[in-house]
Amino acid sequence: MFNPLKMAGDLKNMEKMLKPALEKFMNDSGFVKQAELQKLEARVRELEKEIQNLKT
C-alpha cells in the first residue's frame, strides 16, 4: 500500500546521498557559483589595472 510519509523519508535520504555527488559533479565540470565568479572578475580587473600602471 502507498504510504506518503514513508516516501517523504525515502526522498530525504536520497537527497542526502545525491547532494554531495551533485556538488562534486558541478565542481569538476566547470560550473561556478555567481558569487565566486564575481570575486574572480573583480580580481582580474585589479590585476589589469596594476599591469596598466606598470606599463606607464
PDB file of N, CA and C in Angstrom:
ATOM      1  N   MET A   1       0.836  -1.179   0.000  1.00  0.00           N
ATOM      2  CA  MET A   1       0.000   0.000   0.000  1.00  0.00           C
ATOM      3  C   MET A   1       0.886   1.250   0.000  1.00  0.00           C
ATOM      4  N   PHE A   2       0.401   2.299  -0.598  1.00  0.00           N
ATOM      5  CA  PHE A   2       1.133   3.563  -0.731  1.00  0.00           C
ATOM      6  C   PHE A   2       1.149   4.316   0.595  1.00  0.00           C
ATOM      7  N   ASN A   3       2.346   4.662   1.058  1.00  0.00           N
ATOM      8  CA  ASN A   3       2.486   5.392   2.310  1.00  0.00           C
ATOM      9  C   ASN A   3       3.263   6.682   2.030  1.00  0.00           C
ATOM     10  N   PRO A   4       2.565   7.826   1.987  1.00  0.00           N
ATOM     11  CA  PRO A   4       3.246   9.083   1.650  1.00  0.00           C
ATOM     12  C   PRO A   4       4.305   9.494   2.678  1.00  0.00           C
ATOM     13  N   LEU A   5       4.110   9.142   3.938  1.00  0.00           N
ATOM     14  CA  LEU A   5       5.101   9.505   4.949  1.00  0.00           C
ATOM     15  C   LEU A   5       6.401   8.735   4.753  1.00  0.00           C
ATOM     16  N   LYS A   6       6.291   7.486   4.406  1.00  0.00           N
ATOM     17  CA  LYS A   6       7.474   6.664   4.133  1.00  0.00           C
ATOM     18  C   LYS A   6       8.193   7.183   2.892  1.00  0.00           C
ATOM     19  N   MET A   7       7.423   7.584   1.894  1.00  0.00           N
ATOM     20  CA  MET A   7       8.005   8.101   0.658  1.00  0.00           C
ATOM     21  C   MET A   7       8.760   9.404   0.927  1.00  0.00           C
ATOM     22  N   ALA A   8       8.236  10.265   1.783  1.00  0.00           N
ATOM     23  CA  ALA A   8       8.908  11.521   2.116  1.00  0.00           C
ATOM     24  C   ALA A   8      10.255  11.235   2.785  1.00  0.00           C
ATOM     25  N   GLY A   9      10.296  10.273   3.670  1.00  0.00           N
ATOM     26  CA  GLY A   9      11.552   9.897   4.314  1.00  0.00           C
ATOM     27  C   GLY A   9      12.550   9.342   3.330  1.00  0.00           C
ATOM     28  N   ASP A  10      12.067   8.533   2.398  1.00  0.00           N
ATOM     29  CA  ASP A  10      12.955   7.982   1.369  1.00  0.00           C
ATOM     30  C   ASP A  10      13.538   9.086   0.488  1.00  0.00           C
ATOM     31  N   LEU A  11      12.713  10.059   0.156  1.00  0.00           N
ATOM     32  CA  LEU A  11      13.189  11.165  -0.672  1.00  0.00           C
ATOM     33  C   LEU A  11      14.261  11.971   0.057  1.00  0.00           C
ATOM     34  N   LYS A  12      14.064  12.166   1.342  1.00  0.00           N
ATOM     35  CA  LYS A  12      15.045  12.899   2.148  1.00  0.00           C
ATOM     36  C   LYS A  12      16.391  12.160   2.152  1.00  0.00           C
ATOM     37  N   ASN A  13      16.336  10.853   2.315  1.00  0.00           N
ATOM     38  CA  ASN A  13      17.568  10.049   2.304  1.00  0.00           C
ATOM     39  C   ASN A  13      18.250  10.086   0.938  1.00  0.00           C
ATOM     40  N   MET A  14      17.456  10.047  -0.124  1.00  0.00           N
ATOM     41  CA  MET A  14      18.018  10.116  -1.469  1.00  0.00           C
ATOM     42  C   MET A  14      18.715  11.466  -1.678  1.00  0.00           C
ATOM     43  N   GLU A  15      18.095  12.519  -1.168  1.00  0.00           N
ATOM     44  CA  GLU A  15      18.684  13.841  -1.302  1.00  0.00           C
ATOM     45  C   GLU A  15      20.035  13.905  -0.590  1.00  0.00           C
ATOM     46  N   LYS A  16      20.107  13.304   0.596  1.00  0.00           N
ATOM     47  CA  LYS A  16      21.358  13.294   1.360  1.00  0.00           C
ATOM     48  C   LYS A  16      22.462  12.566   0.603  1.00  0.00           C
ATOM     49  N   MET A  17      22.102  11.522  -0.115  1.00  0.00           N
ATOM     50  CA  MET A  17      23.097  10.759  -0.868  1.00  0.00           C
ATOM     51  C   MET A  17      23.511  11.468  -2.154  1.00  0.00           C
ATOM     52  N   LEU A  18      22.549  12.102  -2.817  1.00  0.00           N
ATOM     53  CA  LEU A  18      22.828  12.680  -4.125  1.00  0.00           C
ATOM     54  C   LEU A  18      23.472  14.063  -4.060  1.00  0.00           C
ATOM     55  N   LYS A  19      23.226  14.809  -2.990  1.00  0.00           N
ATOM     56  CA  LYS A  19      23.736  16.171  -2.920  1.00  0.00           C
ATOM     57  C   LYS A  19      25.262  16.235  -3.016  1.00  0.00           C
ATOM     58  N   PRO A  20      26.027  15.442  -2.248  1.00  0.00           N
ATOM     59  CA  PRO A  20      27.493  15.510  -2.391  1.00  0.00           C
ATOM     60  C   PRO A  20      27.965  15.117  -3.792  1.00  0.00           C
ATOM     61  N   ALA A  21      27.314  14.130  -4.375  1.00  0.00           N
ATOM     62  CA  ALA A  21      27.700  13.705  -5.722  1.00  0.00           C
ATOM     63  C   ALA A  21      27.413  14.812  -6.732  1.00  0.00           C
ATOM     64  N   LEU A  22      26.294  15.485  -6.582  1.00  0.00           N
ATOM     65  CA  LEU A  22      25.946  16.577  -7.493  1.00  0.00           C
ATOM     66  C   LEU A  22      26.924  17.738  -7.334  1.00  0.00           C
ATOM     67  N   GLU A  23      27.272  18.064  -6.093  1.00  0.00           N
ATOM     68  CA  GLU A  23      28.223  19.146  -5.873  1.00  0.00           C
ATOM     69  C   GLU A  23      29.588  18.810  -6.472  1.00  0.00           C
ATOM     70  N   LYS A  24      30.019  17.578  -6.320  1.00  0.00           N
ATOM     71  CA  LYS A  24      31.300  17.156  -6.902  1.00  0.00           C
ATOM     72  C   LYS A  24      31.247  17.256  -8.421  1.00  0.00           C
ATOM     73  N   PHE A  25      30.154  16.816  -9.024  1.00  0.00           N
ATOM     74  CA  PHE A  25      29.993  16.904 -10.465  1.00  0.00           C
ATOM     75  C   PHE A  25      30.035  18.354 -10.929  1.00  0.00           C
ATOM     76  N   MET A  26      29.327  19.232 -10.214  1.00  0.00           N
ATOM     77  CA  MET A  26      29.278  20.640 -10.603  1.00  0.00           C
ATOM     78  C   MET A  26      30.677  21.261 -10.523  1.00  0.00           C
ATOM     79  N   ASN A  27      31.434  20.918  -9.483  1.00  0.00           N
ATOM     80  CA  ASN A  27      32.790  21.463  -9.347  1.00  0.00           C
ATOM     81  C   ASN A  27      33.713  20.925 -10.425  1.00  0.00           C
ATOM     82  N   ASP A  28      33.615  19.642 -10.708  1.00  0.00           N
ATOM     83  CA  ASP A  28      34.502  19.020 -11.689  1.00  0.00           C
ATOM     84  C   ASP A  28      34.165  19.417 -13.124  1.00  0.00           C
ATOM     85  N   SER A  29      32.925  19.760 -13.389  1.00  0.00           N
ATOM     86  CA  SER A  29      32.514  20.033 -14.761  1.00  0.00           C
ATOM     87  C   SER A  29      32.684  21.494 -15.151  1.00  0.00           C
ATOM     88  N   GLY A  30      33.119  22.332 -14.207  1.00  0.00           N
ATOM     89  CA  GLY A  30      33.396  23.718 -14.559  1.00  0.00           C
ATOM     90  C   GLY A  30      32.300  24.691 -14.203  1.00  0.00           C
ATOM     91  N   PHE A  31      31.222  24.255 -13.608  1.00  0.00           N
ATOM     92  CA  PHE A  31      30.185  25.173 -13.179  1.00  0.00           C
ATOM     93  C   PHE A  31      30.706  25.977 -11.995  1.00  0.00           C
ATOM     94  N   VAL A  32      30.388  27.275 -11.973  1.00  0.00           N
ATOM     95  CA  VAL A  32      30.878  28.157 -10.912  1.00  0.00           C
ATOM     96  C   VAL A  32      29.703  28.925 -10.326  1.00  0.00           C
ATOM     97  N   LYS A  33      29.738  29.128  -9.026  1.00  0.00           N
ATOM     98  CA  LYS A  33      28.702  29.935  -8.380  1.00  0.00           C
ATOM     99  C   LYS A  33      28.899  31.391  -8.764  1.00  0.00           C
ATOM    100  N   GLN A  34      27.800  32.125  -8.871  1.00  0.00           N
ATOM    101  CA  GLN A  34      27.842  33.520  -9.306  1.00  0.00           C
ATOM    102  C   GLN A  34      28.742  34.359  -8.400  1.00  0.00           C
ATOM    103  N   ALA A  35      28.664  34.161  -7.091  1.00  0.00           N
ATOM    104  CA  ALA A  35      29.472  34.956  -6.159  1.00  0.00           C
ATOM    105  C   ALA A  35      30.963  34.715  -6.385  1.00  0.00           C
ATOM    106  N   GLU A  36      31.342  33.477  -6.622  1.00  0.00           N
ATOM    107  CA  GLU A  36      32.751  33.166  -6.878  1.00  0.00           C
ATOM    108  C   GLU A  36      33.214  33.809  -8.176  1.00  0.00           C
ATOM    109  N   LEU A  37      32.360  33.790  -9.172  1.00  0.00           N
ATOM    110  CA  LEU A  37      32.703  34.383 -10.461  1.00  0.00           C
ATOM    111  C   LEU A  37      32.908  35.880 -10.322  1.00  0.00           C
ATOM    112  N   GLN A  38      32.059  36.539  -9.563  1.00  0.00           N
ATOM    113  CA  GLN A  38      32.189  37.982  -9.377  1.00  0.00           C
ATOM    114  C   GLN A  38      33.487  38.333  -8.651  1.00  0.00           C
ATOM    115  N   LYS A  39      33.868  37.532  -7.652  1.00  0.00           N
ATOM    116  CA  LYS A  39      35.125  37.769  -6.941  1.00  0.00           C
ATOM    117  C   LYS A  39      36.305  37.647  -7.906  1.00  0.00           C
ATOM    118  N   LEU A  40      36.270  36.611  -8.742  1.00  0.00           N
ATOM    119  CA  LEU A  40      37.360  36.402  -9.692  1.00  0.00           C
ATOM    120  C   LEU A  40      37.420  37.514 -10.730  1.00  0.00           C
ATOM    121  N   GLU A  41      36.264  37.966 -11.200  1.00  0.00           N
ATOM    122  CA  GLU A  41      36.239  39.057 -12.172  1.00  0.00           C
ATOM    123  C   GLU A  41      36.807  40.336 -11.566  1.00  0.00           C
ATOM    124  N   ALA A  42      36.468  40.614 -10.313  1.00  0.00           N
ATOM    125  CA  ALA A  42      36.994  41.802  -9.643  1.00  0.00           C
ATOM    126  C   ALA A  42      38.513  41.705  -9.509  1.00  0.00           C
ATOM    127  N   ARG A  43      39.019  40.534  -9.179  1.00  0.00           N
ATOM    128  CA  ARG A  43      40.460  40.331  -9.045  1.00  0.00           C
ATOM    129  C   ARG A  43      41.166  40.532 -10.386  1.00  0.00           C
ATOM    130  N   VAL A  44      40.564  40.048 -11.448  1.00  0.00           N
ATOM    131  CA  VAL A  44      41.147  40.228 -12.786  1.00  0.00           C
ATOM    132  C   VAL A  44      41.215  41.715 -13.118  1.00  0.00           C
ATOM    133  N   ARG A  45      40.151  42.452 -12.799  1.00  0.00           N
ATOM    134  CA  ARG A  45      40.162  43.892 -13.066  1.00  0.00           C
ATOM    135  C   ARG A  45      41.284  44.580 -12.289  1.00  0.00           C
ATOM    136  N   GLU A  46      41.461  44.186 -11.026  1.00  0.00           N
ATOM    137  CA  GLU A  46      42.537  44.772 -10.213  1.00  0.00           C
ATOM    138  C   GLU A  46      43.898  44.485 -10.829  1.00  0.00           C
ATOM    139  N   LEU A  47      44.107  43.254 -11.242  1.00  0.00           N
ATOM    140  CA  LEU A  47      45.389  42.889 -11.848  1.00  0.00           C
ATOM    141  C   LEU A  47      45.622  43.622 -13.172  1.00  0.00           C
ATOM    142  N   GLU A  48      44.574  43.795 -13.946  1.00  0.00           N
ATOM    143  CA  GLU A  48      44.705  44.530 -15.212  1.00  0.00           C
ATOM    144  C   GLU A  48      45.097  45.978 -14.949  1.00  0.00           C
ATOM    145  N   LYS A  49      44.526  46.579 -13.911  1.00  0.00           N
ATOM    146  CA  LYS A  49      44.892  47.958 -13.564  1.00  0.00           C
ATOM    147  C   LYS A  49      46.355  48.027 -13.137  1.00  0.00           C
ATOM    148  N   GLU A  50      46.805  47.053 -12.359  1.00  0.00           N
ATOM    149  CA  GLU A  50      48.203  47.038 -11.926  1.00  0.00           C
ATOM    150  C   GLU A  50      49.142  46.903 -13.130  1.00  0.00           C
ATOM    151  N   ILE A  51      48.766  46.075 -14.064  1.00  0.00           N
ATOM    152  CA  ILE A  51      49.593  45.887 -15.265  1.00  0.00           C
ATOM    153  C   ILE A  51      49.647  47.193 -16.065  1.00  0.00           C
ATOM    154  N   GLN A  52      48.516  47.860 -16.197  1.00  0.00           N
ATOM    155  CA  GLN A  52      48.491  49.127 -16.916  1.00  0.00           C
ATOM    156  C   GLN A  52      49.370  50.159 -16.223  1.00  0.00           C
ATOM    157  N   ASN A  53      49.355  50.177 -14.896  1.00  0.00           N
ATOM    158  CA  ASN A  53      50.176  51.132 -14.155  1.00  0.00           C
ATOM    159  C   ASN A  53      51.662  50.830 -14.329  1.00  0.00           C
ATOM    160  N   LEU A  54      52.012  49.566 -14.431  1.00  0.00           N
ATOM    161  CA  LEU A  54      53.402  49.195 -14.619  1.00  0.00           C
ATOM    162  C   LEU A  54      53.907  49.596 -16.010  1.00  0.00           C
ATOM    163  N   LYS A  55      53.026  49.533 -16.980  1.00  0.00           N
ATOM    164  CA  LYS A  55      53.402  49.873 -18.361  1.00  0.00           C
ATOM    165  C   LYS A  55      53.637  51.369 -18.517  1.00  0.00           C
ATOM    166  N   THR A  56      52.961  52.171 -17.717  1.00  0.00           N
ATOM    167  CA  THR A  56      53.076  53.636 -17.886  1.00  0.00           C
ATOM    168  C   THR A  56      54.147  54.220 -17.013  1.00  0.00           C
TER     169      THR A  56
END
